Amino acid sequence: MIRHTAQRDYPAATGKPRRLRAGYSLIEALVSVAIIAMVMTAAAVAMQTMYRVDRQLKDNIAYGQVMPRLSLQLRTDVHAATDVSLLIGPNGADGLSLTLAASDEVVEYHSEARRIVRTWRRDGKELGREVYYLGKTATFRWQTTSVPAPMVELEIVRVRGKIDSADSRQVDRVVAAIGIRVPRKKEGVADASNE
C-alpha cells in the first residue's frame, strides 16, 4: 500500500493550492468492511448448507444399509413366531414381543429414540441385543392384524426436508405373516413323539 505525502496542487479554476489527502476516508473503510461482511456471510451460509447436506447424505446411506437388515430379521422372526403381542409403552404401541416356535426364545422389538432395539431372551435371561439406528427424523408404528391372515406390520416414517409435507416424507412398511415357518400337525396323522 502506498501512502501519498501532502503535496500542493494548484487547480486551474481557483488558483488556490489544494492538499492531496493521505490514507483512506471513513466511507471507503465502511464500504470495505461491508463487502467483507457480505463475503463472510455467503461463505457461512454455504458451509452450513454443505454440512446439512453431508449429514442428510450420511443418514440416507446408513438408513439404506440398516433397513434391509432390519426387515429381513423382522420377517424371519415373525415367520418363526407362534405368539405375537404388542408391547404398550407410554405413547401407545411401543414395540413387539414374539415367542418363537423352534425354542423357548422370546424376541422383543422396542422403539427407542430414533432406533429399534431387538433383544432375545430364553428363560428370562437376555441372550443378545441388536440396535438398528434409522435416523433423526424416524418415527415408528407397530400393528398386528388377524384378518384375513395373522400379520405384523412395522411402518417407518422419515422426514427428508424441513417442511413436513407429503413430498418430504418417506414411508417404508415391513409386513410379515405370523407363523408360516411353524410346523403344523396334520389331522389324522399320529405324532411320532407320542409313540
N, C-alpha and C. Protein backbone atom coordinates (compact mmCIF):
# COMPACT_ATOMS: atom_id res chain seq x y z
N MET A 1 0.84 -1.15 0.00
CA MET A 1 0.00 0.00 0.00
C MET A 1 0.91 1.24 0.00
N ILE A 2 0.62 2.16 -0.85
CA ILE A 2 1.43 3.38 -0.97
C ILE A 2 0.64 4.53 -0.38
N ARG A 3 1.26 5.25 0.50
CA ARG A 3 0.63 6.44 1.09
C ARG A 3 1.19 7.69 0.40
N HIS A 4 0.32 8.57 0.13
CA HIS A 4 0.73 9.82 -0.51
C HIS A 4 1.14 10.83 0.55
N THR A 5 2.14 11.53 0.27
CA THR A 5 2.53 12.63 1.16
C THR A 5 1.79 13.89 0.74
N ALA A 6 1.68 14.79 1.63
CA ALA A 6 0.96 16.04 1.35
C ALA A 6 1.70 16.84 0.29
N GLN A 7 1.02 17.10 -0.76
CA GLN A 7 1.59 17.90 -1.84
C GLN A 7 0.61 19.02 -2.17
N ARG A 8 1.16 20.02 -2.71
CA ARG A 8 0.29 21.14 -3.10
C ARG A 8 -0.06 20.99 -4.57
N ASP A 9 -1.32 21.17 -4.82
CA ASP A 9 -1.82 21.07 -6.18
C ASP A 9 -2.55 22.38 -6.48
N TYR A 10 -2.31 22.93 -7.64
CA TYR A 10 -2.95 24.19 -8.00
C TYR A 10 -3.93 23.94 -9.13
N PRO A 11 -5.21 23.84 -8.82
CA PRO A 11 -6.17 23.69 -9.90
C PRO A 11 -6.25 24.98 -10.70
N ALA A 12 -6.55 24.79 -11.97
CA ALA A 12 -6.56 25.94 -12.88
C ALA A 12 -7.72 26.88 -12.61
N ALA A 13 -8.84 26.39 -12.12
CA ALA A 13 -10.02 27.22 -11.98
C ALA A 13 -9.90 28.19 -10.82
N THR A 14 -9.48 27.74 -9.68
CA THR A 14 -9.48 28.60 -8.50
C THR A 14 -8.15 29.28 -8.25
N GLY A 15 -7.09 28.63 -8.61
CA GLY A 15 -5.77 29.19 -8.39
C GLY A 15 -5.29 29.02 -6.96
N LYS A 16 -6.10 28.40 -6.09
CA LYS A 16 -5.68 28.19 -4.71
C LYS A 16 -5.03 26.81 -4.59
N PRO A 17 -4.05 26.70 -3.74
CA PRO A 17 -3.44 25.38 -3.56
C PRO A 17 -4.41 24.42 -2.84
N ARG A 18 -4.38 23.14 -3.23
CA ARG A 18 -5.23 22.13 -2.61
C ARG A 18 -4.33 21.00 -2.12
N ARG A 19 -4.62 20.47 -0.92
CA ARG A 19 -3.81 19.37 -0.38
C ARG A 19 -4.38 18.05 -0.84
N LEU A 20 -3.51 17.15 -1.24
CA LEU A 20 -3.94 15.78 -1.53
C LEU A 20 -4.08 15.05 -0.21
N ARG A 21 -5.07 14.22 -0.08
CA ARG A 21 -5.31 13.55 1.20
C ARG A 21 -4.40 12.33 1.35
N ALA A 22 -4.08 12.02 2.57
CA ALA A 22 -3.27 10.84 2.89
C ALA A 22 -4.16 9.79 3.52
N GLY A 23 -4.05 8.48 3.14
CA GLY A 23 -4.82 7.40 3.74
C GLY A 23 -6.18 7.23 3.09
N TYR A 24 -7.15 6.66 3.89
CA TYR A 24 -8.47 6.35 3.38
C TYR A 24 -9.51 7.12 4.17
N SER A 25 -10.62 7.38 3.53
CA SER A 25 -11.70 8.06 4.22
C SER A 25 -12.54 7.04 4.99
N LEU A 26 -13.36 7.52 5.86
CA LEU A 26 -14.24 6.66 6.66
C LEU A 26 -15.21 5.91 5.77
N ILE A 27 -15.70 6.51 4.74
CA ILE A 27 -16.65 5.85 3.84
C ILE A 27 -15.98 4.71 3.09
N GLU A 28 -14.76 4.91 2.66
CA GLU A 28 -14.04 3.83 1.99
C GLU A 28 -13.83 2.64 2.92
N ALA A 29 -13.50 2.91 4.17
CA ALA A 29 -13.31 1.84 5.15
C ALA A 29 -14.63 1.11 5.42
N LEU A 30 -15.73 1.85 5.54
CA LEU A 30 -17.04 1.21 5.78
C LEU A 30 -17.47 0.35 4.59
N VAL A 31 -17.23 0.81 3.39
CA VAL A 31 -17.57 0.03 2.21
C VAL A 31 -16.76 -1.26 2.18
N SER A 32 -15.47 -1.17 2.51
CA SER A 32 -14.62 -2.37 2.56
C SER A 32 -15.12 -3.36 3.60
N VAL A 33 -15.47 -2.86 4.78
CA VAL A 33 -15.99 -3.74 5.84
C VAL A 33 -17.31 -4.37 5.40
N ALA A 34 -18.18 -3.63 4.74
CA ALA A 34 -19.46 -4.18 4.29
C ALA A 34 -19.25 -5.27 3.24
N ILE A 35 -18.32 -5.07 2.32
CA ILE A 35 -18.05 -6.09 1.31
C ILE A 35 -17.49 -7.35 1.95
N ILE A 36 -16.57 -7.20 2.90
CA ILE A 36 -16.00 -8.36 3.60
C ILE A 36 -17.08 -9.08 4.40
N ALA A 37 -18.00 -8.35 5.03
CA ALA A 37 -19.09 -8.97 5.79
C ALA A 37 -20.01 -9.76 4.88
N MET A 38 -20.31 -9.23 3.70
CA MET A 38 -21.18 -9.97 2.76
C MET A 38 -20.50 -11.25 2.29
N VAL A 39 -19.22 -11.17 2.00
CA VAL A 39 -18.49 -12.37 1.55
C VAL A 39 -18.45 -13.41 2.67
N MET A 40 -18.20 -12.99 3.90
CA MET A 40 -18.15 -13.92 5.04
C MET A 40 -19.53 -14.55 5.30
N THR A 41 -20.59 -13.76 5.17
CA THR A 41 -21.94 -14.29 5.36
C THR A 41 -22.27 -15.33 4.29
N ALA A 42 -21.93 -15.04 3.06
CA ALA A 42 -22.18 -16.02 1.99
C ALA A 42 -21.38 -17.30 2.22
N ALA A 43 -20.14 -17.16 2.69
CA ALA A 43 -19.33 -18.35 2.97
C ALA A 43 -19.92 -19.16 4.13
N ALA A 44 -20.40 -18.47 5.17
CA ALA A 44 -21.00 -19.18 6.31
C ALA A 44 -22.27 -19.93 5.90
N VAL A 45 -23.11 -19.31 5.09
CA VAL A 45 -24.33 -19.98 4.62
C VAL A 45 -23.98 -21.18 3.76
N ALA A 46 -22.98 -21.04 2.89
CA ALA A 46 -22.55 -22.16 2.05
C ALA A 46 -22.01 -23.31 2.90
N MET A 47 -21.24 -23.00 3.93
CA MET A 47 -20.69 -24.05 4.81
C MET A 47 -21.81 -24.75 5.57
N GLN A 48 -22.77 -23.99 6.08
CA GLN A 48 -23.89 -24.59 6.81
C GLN A 48 -24.69 -25.52 5.90
N THR A 49 -24.95 -25.08 4.69
CA THR A 49 -25.68 -25.91 3.73
C THR A 49 -24.90 -27.17 3.40
N MET A 50 -23.59 -27.04 3.24
CA MET A 50 -22.76 -28.20 2.93
C MET A 50 -22.79 -29.21 4.07
N TYR A 51 -22.70 -28.74 5.32
CA TYR A 51 -22.75 -29.66 6.46
C TYR A 51 -24.11 -30.33 6.58
N ARG A 52 -25.18 -29.58 6.33
CA ARG A 52 -26.52 -30.17 6.41
C ARG A 52 -26.71 -31.25 5.34
N VAL A 53 -26.28 -30.97 4.12
CA VAL A 53 -26.38 -31.95 3.04
C VAL A 53 -25.53 -33.18 3.35
N ASP A 54 -24.34 -32.96 3.91
CA ASP A 54 -23.46 -34.08 4.27
C ASP A 54 -24.12 -34.95 5.34
N ARG A 55 -24.74 -34.31 6.34
CA ARG A 55 -25.41 -35.05 7.41
C ARG A 55 -26.59 -35.85 6.85
N GLN A 56 -27.38 -35.25 5.96
CA GLN A 56 -28.51 -35.96 5.36
C GLN A 56 -28.03 -37.12 4.50
N LEU A 57 -26.94 -36.91 3.77
CA LEU A 57 -26.40 -37.98 2.94
C LEU A 57 -25.92 -39.15 3.79
N LYS A 58 -25.25 -38.86 4.89
CA LYS A 58 -24.80 -39.93 5.79
C LYS A 58 -25.98 -40.67 6.39
N ASP A 59 -27.04 -39.93 6.79
CA ASP A 59 -28.24 -40.58 7.34
C ASP A 59 -28.89 -41.48 6.29
N ASN A 60 -28.97 -41.00 5.05
CA ASN A 60 -29.59 -41.81 3.99
C ASN A 60 -28.77 -43.05 3.68
N ILE A 61 -27.45 -42.95 3.69
CA ILE A 61 -26.61 -44.11 3.44
C ILE A 61 -26.76 -45.11 4.58
N ALA A 62 -26.74 -44.62 5.82
CA ALA A 62 -26.90 -45.51 6.97
C ALA A 62 -28.27 -46.19 6.95
N TYR A 63 -29.31 -45.42 6.62
CA TYR A 63 -30.66 -45.99 6.55
C TYR A 63 -30.74 -47.05 5.46
N GLY A 64 -30.11 -46.77 4.31
CA GLY A 64 -30.10 -47.75 3.22
C GLY A 64 -29.38 -49.03 3.56
N GLN A 65 -28.44 -48.98 4.49
CA GLN A 65 -27.74 -50.20 4.92
C GLN A 65 -28.48 -50.92 6.03
N VAL A 66 -29.13 -50.17 6.92
CA VAL A 66 -29.77 -50.77 8.08
C VAL A 66 -31.15 -51.34 7.76
N MET A 67 -31.91 -50.66 6.92
CA MET A 67 -33.29 -51.06 6.65
C MET A 67 -33.41 -52.47 6.07
N PRO A 68 -32.59 -52.89 5.11
CA PRO A 68 -32.70 -54.27 4.62
C PRO A 68 -32.40 -55.31 5.71
N ARG A 69 -31.42 -55.03 6.56
CA ARG A 69 -31.11 -55.96 7.66
C ARG A 69 -32.27 -56.07 8.64
N LEU A 70 -32.85 -54.93 9.00
CA LEU A 70 -33.98 -54.93 9.93
C LEU A 70 -35.17 -55.66 9.35
N SER A 71 -35.52 -55.38 8.10
CA SER A 71 -36.70 -56.02 7.50
C SER A 71 -36.51 -57.53 7.37
N LEU A 72 -35.30 -57.97 6.99
CA LEU A 72 -35.04 -59.41 6.89
C LEU A 72 -35.13 -60.09 8.25
N GLN A 73 -34.53 -59.49 9.27
CA GLN A 73 -34.56 -60.07 10.61
C GLN A 73 -35.98 -60.09 11.18
N LEU A 74 -36.73 -59.01 10.98
CA LEU A 74 -38.10 -58.96 11.49
C LEU A 74 -38.97 -60.00 10.80
N ARG A 75 -38.86 -60.13 9.49
CA ARG A 75 -39.64 -61.15 8.77
C ARG A 75 -39.27 -62.55 9.23
N THR A 76 -37.99 -62.81 9.40
CA THR A 76 -37.56 -64.13 9.86
C THR A 76 -38.14 -64.45 11.23
N ASP A 77 -38.09 -63.48 12.15
CA ASP A 77 -38.62 -63.70 13.50
C ASP A 77 -40.14 -63.88 13.48
N VAL A 78 -40.83 -63.07 12.71
CA VAL A 78 -42.30 -63.16 12.67
C VAL A 78 -42.74 -64.47 12.03
N HIS A 79 -42.04 -64.91 10.99
CA HIS A 79 -42.39 -66.17 10.33
C HIS A 79 -42.21 -67.36 11.28
N ALA A 80 -41.25 -67.27 12.20
CA ALA A 80 -40.98 -68.37 13.13
C ALA A 80 -41.76 -68.24 14.44
N ALA A 81 -42.59 -67.24 14.57
CA ALA A 81 -43.28 -66.98 15.84
C ALA A 81 -44.58 -67.78 15.95
N THR A 82 -44.88 -68.20 17.17
CA THR A 82 -46.16 -68.83 17.46
C THR A 82 -47.11 -67.87 18.16
N ASP A 83 -46.57 -66.87 18.82
CA ASP A 83 -47.39 -65.91 19.54
C ASP A 83 -46.79 -64.51 19.35
N VAL A 84 -47.67 -63.56 19.12
CA VAL A 84 -47.24 -62.18 18.90
C VAL A 84 -48.11 -61.27 19.75
N SER A 85 -47.48 -60.31 20.41
CA SER A 85 -48.24 -59.32 21.17
C SER A 85 -47.54 -57.97 21.07
N LEU A 86 -48.35 -56.91 21.10
CA LEU A 86 -47.80 -55.56 21.08
C LEU A 86 -47.39 -55.18 22.49
N LEU A 87 -46.24 -54.53 22.62
CA LEU A 87 -45.78 -54.01 23.90
C LEU A 87 -46.26 -52.57 23.99
N ILE A 88 -47.06 -52.29 24.99
CA ILE A 88 -47.65 -50.96 25.13
C ILE A 88 -46.75 -50.10 25.99
N GLY A 89 -46.32 -48.98 25.42
CA GLY A 89 -45.49 -48.03 26.14
C GLY A 89 -46.30 -46.82 26.52
N PRO A 90 -45.63 -45.77 27.01
CA PRO A 90 -46.37 -44.57 27.42
C PRO A 90 -47.04 -43.85 26.28
N ASN A 91 -46.56 -44.02 25.05
CA ASN A 91 -47.14 -43.34 23.89
C ASN A 91 -47.95 -44.28 23.01
N GLY A 92 -48.53 -45.30 23.57
CA GLY A 92 -49.27 -46.27 22.76
C GLY A 92 -48.40 -47.47 22.45
N ALA A 93 -48.57 -48.03 21.24
CA ALA A 93 -47.80 -49.21 20.86
C ALA A 93 -46.33 -48.85 20.74
N ASP A 94 -45.51 -49.47 21.57
CA ASP A 94 -44.11 -49.12 21.65
C ASP A 94 -43.21 -50.20 21.07
N GLY A 95 -43.73 -51.38 20.84
CA GLY A 95 -42.88 -52.44 20.33
C GLY A 95 -43.65 -53.71 20.09
N LEU A 96 -42.91 -54.79 19.96
CA LEU A 96 -43.47 -56.07 19.57
C LEU A 96 -42.78 -57.15 20.36
N SER A 97 -43.53 -58.14 20.84
CA SER A 97 -42.97 -59.29 21.53
C SER A 97 -43.36 -60.54 20.75
N LEU A 98 -42.38 -61.35 20.39
CA LEU A 98 -42.61 -62.56 19.60
C LEU A 98 -42.12 -63.77 20.38
N THR A 99 -42.92 -64.83 20.45
CA THR A 99 -42.49 -66.09 21.02
C THR A 99 -42.20 -67.04 19.87
N LEU A 100 -40.96 -67.51 19.79
CA LEU A 100 -40.54 -68.33 18.66
C LEU A 100 -40.88 -69.79 18.90
N ALA A 101 -41.22 -70.50 17.82
CA ALA A 101 -41.68 -71.89 17.93
C ALA A 101 -40.51 -72.86 18.10
N ALA A 102 -39.39 -72.60 17.47
CA ALA A 102 -38.29 -73.57 17.48
C ALA A 102 -37.69 -73.75 18.87
N SER A 103 -37.77 -72.75 19.71
CA SER A 103 -37.21 -72.83 21.06
C SER A 103 -38.10 -72.04 21.99
N ASP A 104 -37.68 -71.93 23.21
CA ASP A 104 -38.43 -71.14 24.17
C ASP A 104 -37.95 -69.69 24.18
N GLU A 105 -37.45 -69.23 23.06
CA GLU A 105 -36.94 -67.87 23.00
C GLU A 105 -38.07 -66.86 22.80
N VAL A 106 -37.88 -65.71 23.38
CA VAL A 106 -38.78 -64.57 23.19
C VAL A 106 -37.95 -63.45 22.57
N VAL A 107 -38.41 -62.94 21.46
CA VAL A 107 -37.73 -61.84 20.78
C VAL A 107 -38.60 -60.61 20.92
N GLU A 108 -37.99 -59.51 21.34
CA GLU A 108 -38.72 -58.26 21.50
C GLU A 108 -38.08 -57.17 20.65
N TYR A 109 -38.93 -56.37 20.04
CA TYR A 109 -38.51 -55.19 19.28
C TYR A 109 -39.06 -53.98 20.02
N HIS A 110 -38.20 -53.06 20.40
CA HIS A 110 -38.62 -51.84 21.09
C HIS A 110 -38.26 -50.63 20.24
N SER A 111 -39.18 -49.68 20.16
CA SER A 111 -38.91 -48.40 19.50
C SER A 111 -38.34 -47.47 20.55
N GLU A 112 -37.10 -47.09 20.37
CA GLU A 112 -36.48 -46.11 21.25
C GLU A 112 -36.14 -44.89 20.42
N ALA A 113 -35.49 -43.94 21.02
CA ALA A 113 -35.19 -42.68 20.34
C ALA A 113 -34.46 -42.93 19.03
N ARG A 114 -35.20 -42.80 17.93
CA ARG A 114 -34.68 -42.87 16.57
C ARG A 114 -34.06 -44.23 16.21
N ARG A 115 -34.37 -45.25 16.97
CA ARG A 115 -33.80 -46.56 16.67
C ARG A 115 -34.74 -47.66 17.14
N ILE A 116 -34.50 -48.85 16.62
CA ILE A 116 -35.24 -50.03 17.05
C ILE A 116 -34.22 -50.99 17.67
N VAL A 117 -34.54 -51.46 18.85
CA VAL A 117 -33.64 -52.38 19.57
C VAL A 117 -34.30 -53.75 19.59
N ARG A 118 -33.56 -54.76 19.12
CA ARG A 118 -34.04 -56.15 19.12
C ARG A 118 -33.29 -56.90 20.21
N THR A 119 -34.04 -57.49 21.15
CA THR A 119 -33.43 -58.31 22.20
C THR A 119 -34.06 -59.68 22.15
N TRP A 120 -33.28 -60.71 22.43
CA TRP A 120 -33.84 -62.05 22.52
C TRP A 120 -33.44 -62.67 23.83
N ARG A 121 -34.43 -63.38 24.43
CA ARG A 121 -34.28 -63.94 25.77
C ARG A 121 -34.70 -65.41 25.77
N ARG A 122 -34.09 -66.14 26.65
CA ARG A 122 -34.51 -67.52 26.91
C ARG A 122 -34.55 -67.70 28.42
N ASP A 123 -35.68 -68.17 28.92
CA ASP A 123 -35.90 -68.37 30.36
C ASP A 123 -35.63 -67.08 31.15
N GLY A 124 -36.02 -65.95 30.60
CA GLY A 124 -35.86 -64.67 31.28
C GLY A 124 -34.47 -64.07 31.20
N LYS A 125 -33.51 -64.80 30.64
CA LYS A 125 -32.13 -64.32 30.55
C LYS A 125 -31.89 -63.74 29.16
N GLU A 126 -31.33 -62.53 29.13
CA GLU A 126 -31.07 -61.89 27.84
C GLU A 126 -29.87 -62.55 27.16
N LEU A 127 -30.09 -63.01 25.93
CA LEU A 127 -29.04 -63.68 25.18
C LEU A 127 -28.29 -62.74 24.23
N GLY A 128 -28.94 -61.70 23.77
CA GLY A 128 -28.29 -60.78 22.84
C GLY A 128 -29.14 -59.57 22.57
N ARG A 129 -28.50 -58.61 21.90
CA ARG A 129 -29.17 -57.35 21.58
C ARG A 129 -28.58 -56.79 20.29
N GLU A 130 -29.47 -56.29 19.45
CA GLU A 130 -29.08 -55.62 18.22
C GLU A 130 -29.78 -54.26 18.18
N VAL A 131 -29.08 -53.27 17.64
CA VAL A 131 -29.64 -51.92 17.55
C VAL A 131 -29.65 -51.51 16.08
N TYR A 132 -30.80 -51.04 15.62
CA TYR A 132 -30.98 -50.56 14.25
C TYR A 132 -31.27 -49.07 14.32
N TYR A 133 -30.27 -48.24 13.99
CA TYR A 133 -30.44 -46.79 14.01
C TYR A 133 -31.00 -46.35 12.66
N LEU A 134 -32.13 -45.65 12.68
CA LEU A 134 -32.83 -45.31 11.44
C LEU A 134 -32.90 -43.82 11.14
N GLY A 135 -32.14 -43.00 11.83
CA GLY A 135 -32.08 -41.58 11.51
C GLY A 135 -32.80 -40.71 12.52
N LYS A 136 -32.48 -39.42 12.47
CA LYS A 136 -33.00 -38.48 13.45
C LYS A 136 -34.49 -38.20 13.30
N THR A 137 -35.02 -38.34 12.12
CA THR A 137 -36.42 -37.96 11.88
C THR A 137 -37.35 -39.17 11.80
N ALA A 138 -36.87 -40.35 12.16
CA ALA A 138 -37.68 -41.56 12.01
C ALA A 138 -38.70 -41.69 13.14
N THR A 139 -39.92 -42.05 12.77
CA THR A 139 -40.95 -42.42 13.74
C THR A 139 -41.47 -43.81 13.35
N PHE A 140 -41.95 -44.57 14.33
CA PHE A 140 -42.32 -45.96 14.10
C PHE A 140 -43.76 -46.19 14.53
N ARG A 141 -44.40 -47.16 13.86
CA ARG A 141 -45.75 -47.58 14.25
C ARG A 141 -45.84 -49.08 14.04
N TRP A 142 -46.22 -49.80 15.08
CA TRP A 142 -46.39 -51.25 15.03
C TRP A 142 -47.87 -51.57 14.93
N GLN A 143 -48.21 -52.64 14.22
CA GLN A 143 -49.61 -53.03 14.09
C GLN A 143 -49.67 -54.53 13.85
N THR A 144 -50.67 -55.17 14.43
CA THR A 144 -50.94 -56.58 14.14
C THR A 144 -52.36 -56.70 13.63
N THR A 145 -52.56 -57.65 12.71
CA THR A 145 -53.89 -57.90 12.18
C THR A 145 -54.15 -59.40 12.23
N SER A 146 -55.40 -59.77 12.30
CA SER A 146 -55.75 -61.19 12.30
C SER A 146 -56.61 -61.56 11.10
N VAL A 147 -57.12 -60.55 10.41
CA VAL A 147 -57.98 -60.80 9.26
C VAL A 147 -57.32 -60.18 8.04
N PRO A 148 -57.21 -60.79 6.93
CA PRO A 148 -57.60 -62.15 6.57
C PRO A 148 -56.62 -63.20 7.08
N ALA A 149 -55.38 -62.80 7.40
CA ALA A 149 -54.40 -63.73 7.96
C ALA A 149 -53.64 -62.97 9.04
N PRO A 150 -53.09 -63.71 10.02
CA PRO A 150 -52.32 -63.01 11.06
C PRO A 150 -51.05 -62.39 10.49
N MET A 151 -50.93 -61.09 10.65
CA MET A 151 -49.80 -60.35 10.08
C MET A 151 -49.26 -59.37 11.11
N VAL A 152 -48.00 -58.98 10.91
CA VAL A 152 -47.36 -57.92 11.69
C VAL A 152 -46.89 -56.87 10.70
N GLU A 153 -47.11 -55.60 11.05
CA GLU A 153 -46.67 -54.52 10.17
C GLU A 153 -45.87 -53.50 10.99
N LEU A 154 -44.73 -53.12 10.45
CA LEU A 154 -43.93 -52.04 11.01
C LEU A 154 -43.90 -50.94 9.96
N GLU A 155 -44.32 -49.75 10.37
CA GLU A 155 -44.29 -48.59 9.47
C GLU A 155 -43.26 -47.60 9.99
N ILE A 156 -42.34 -47.22 9.12
CA ILE A 156 -41.29 -46.25 9.46
C ILE A 156 -41.50 -45.02 8.60
N VAL A 157 -41.62 -43.87 9.24
CA VAL A 157 -41.81 -42.61 8.53
C VAL A 157 -40.59 -41.74 8.81
N ARG A 158 -39.96 -41.27 7.73
CA ARG A 158 -38.80 -40.38 7.85
C ARG A 158 -39.10 -39.09 7.11
N VAL A 159 -38.77 -37.96 7.72
CA VAL A 159 -38.93 -36.66 7.08
C VAL A 159 -37.58 -36.29 6.47
N ARG A 160 -37.58 -36.02 5.17
CA ARG A 160 -36.32 -35.76 4.46
C ARG A 160 -35.99 -34.29 4.33
N GLY A 161 -36.92 -33.41 4.56
CA GLY A 161 -36.66 -31.98 4.42
C GLY A 161 -37.13 -31.23 5.64
N LYS A 162 -37.08 -29.90 5.54
CA LYS A 162 -37.52 -29.08 6.65
C LYS A 162 -39.03 -28.98 6.73
N ILE A 163 -39.69 -29.06 5.59
CA ILE A 163 -41.14 -28.88 5.54
C ILE A 163 -41.81 -30.24 5.69
N ASP A 164 -42.78 -30.31 6.60
CA ASP A 164 -43.50 -31.56 6.82
C ASP A 164 -44.65 -31.66 5.83
N SER A 165 -44.34 -32.06 4.63
CA SER A 165 -45.35 -32.23 3.59
C SER A 165 -45.28 -33.65 3.07
N ALA A 166 -46.22 -33.99 2.23
CA ALA A 166 -46.25 -35.34 1.68
C ALA A 166 -45.01 -35.62 0.83
N ASP A 167 -44.49 -34.62 0.18
CA ASP A 167 -43.31 -34.80 -0.67
C ASP A 167 -42.04 -35.04 0.15
N SER A 168 -41.97 -34.52 1.36
CA SER A 168 -40.76 -34.63 2.15
C SER A 168 -40.75 -35.87 3.04
N ARG A 169 -41.82 -36.64 3.03
CA ARG A 169 -41.91 -37.81 3.90
C ARG A 169 -41.62 -39.08 3.11
N GLN A 170 -40.82 -39.96 3.71
CA GLN A 170 -40.54 -41.28 3.15
C GLN A 170 -41.15 -42.31 4.09
N VAL A 171 -42.02 -43.14 3.57
CA VAL A 171 -42.71 -44.15 4.37
C VAL A 171 -42.29 -45.52 3.88
N ASP A 172 -41.78 -46.35 4.80
CA ASP A 172 -41.41 -47.73 4.50
C ASP A 172 -42.24 -48.64 5.39
N ARG A 173 -42.72 -49.74 4.81
CA ARG A 173 -43.51 -50.71 5.58
C ARG A 173 -42.87 -52.08 5.46
N VAL A 174 -42.78 -52.76 6.59
CA VAL A 174 -42.34 -54.14 6.61
C VAL A 174 -43.53 -54.95 7.09
N VAL A 175 -44.01 -55.86 6.25
CA VAL A 175 -45.18 -56.67 6.57
C VAL A 175 -44.76 -58.13 6.51
N ALA A 176 -45.12 -58.90 7.54
CA ALA A 176 -44.75 -60.31 7.58
C ALA A 176 -45.91 -61.13 8.14
N ALA A 177 -46.07 -62.34 7.61
CA ALA A 177 -47.11 -63.25 8.09
C ALA A 177 -46.61 -64.00 9.31
N ILE A 178 -47.47 -64.17 10.27
CA ILE A 178 -47.10 -64.80 11.54
C ILE A 178 -47.15 -66.31 11.39
N GLY A 179 -46.08 -66.97 11.78
CA GLY A 179 -46.04 -68.42 11.93
C GLY A 179 -46.04 -69.24 10.66
N ILE A 180 -45.60 -68.72 9.54
CA ILE A 180 -45.64 -69.55 8.32
C ILE A 180 -44.52 -70.58 8.30
N ARG A 181 -43.52 -70.46 9.15
CA ARG A 181 -42.46 -71.46 9.23
C ARG A 181 -42.63 -72.39 10.41
N VAL A 182 -43.74 -72.27 11.11
CA VAL A 182 -44.01 -73.14 12.25
C VAL A 182 -44.58 -74.44 11.73
N PRO A 183 -43.98 -75.60 12.10
CA PRO A 183 -44.53 -76.87 11.61
C PRO A 183 -45.93 -77.11 12.17
N ARG A 184 -46.84 -77.47 11.29
CA ARG A 184 -48.23 -77.73 11.68
C ARG A 184 -48.45 -79.24 11.76
N LYS A 185 -49.25 -79.64 12.73
CA LYS A 185 -49.61 -81.06 12.84
C LYS A 185 -50.75 -81.34 11.89
N LYS A 186 -50.62 -82.41 11.12
CA LYS A 186 -51.67 -82.79 10.19
C LYS A 186 -52.72 -83.61 10.93
N GLU A 187 -53.97 -83.39 10.57
CA GLU A 187 -55.04 -84.13 11.21
C GLU A 187 -55.02 -85.58 10.74
N GLY A 188 -55.26 -86.51 11.66
CA GLY A 188 -55.34 -87.93 11.32
C GLY A 188 -53.96 -88.61 11.24
N VAL A 189 -52.89 -87.90 11.47
CA VAL A 189 -51.56 -88.48 11.44
C VAL A 189 -51.04 -88.49 12.87
N ALA A 190 -50.56 -89.63 13.33
CA ALA A 190 -50.06 -89.74 14.69
C ALA A 190 -48.74 -89.01 14.82
N ASP A 191 -48.57 -88.36 15.94
CA ASP A 191 -47.33 -87.66 16.20
C ASP A 191 -46.27 -88.68 16.57
N ALA A 192 -45.12 -88.62 15.94
CA ALA A 192 -44.04 -89.60 16.16
C ALA A 192 -43.52 -89.51 17.59
N SER A 193 -43.64 -88.38 18.24
CA SER A 193 -43.11 -88.26 19.60
C SER A 193 -44.01 -88.97 20.61
N ASN A 194 -45.25 -89.27 20.27
CA ASN A 194 -46.16 -89.92 21.20
C ASN A 194 -46.07 -91.43 21.13
N GLU A 195 -45.38 -91.97 20.16
CA GLU A 195 -45.33 -93.42 20.01
C GLU A 195 -44.32 -94.04 20.93
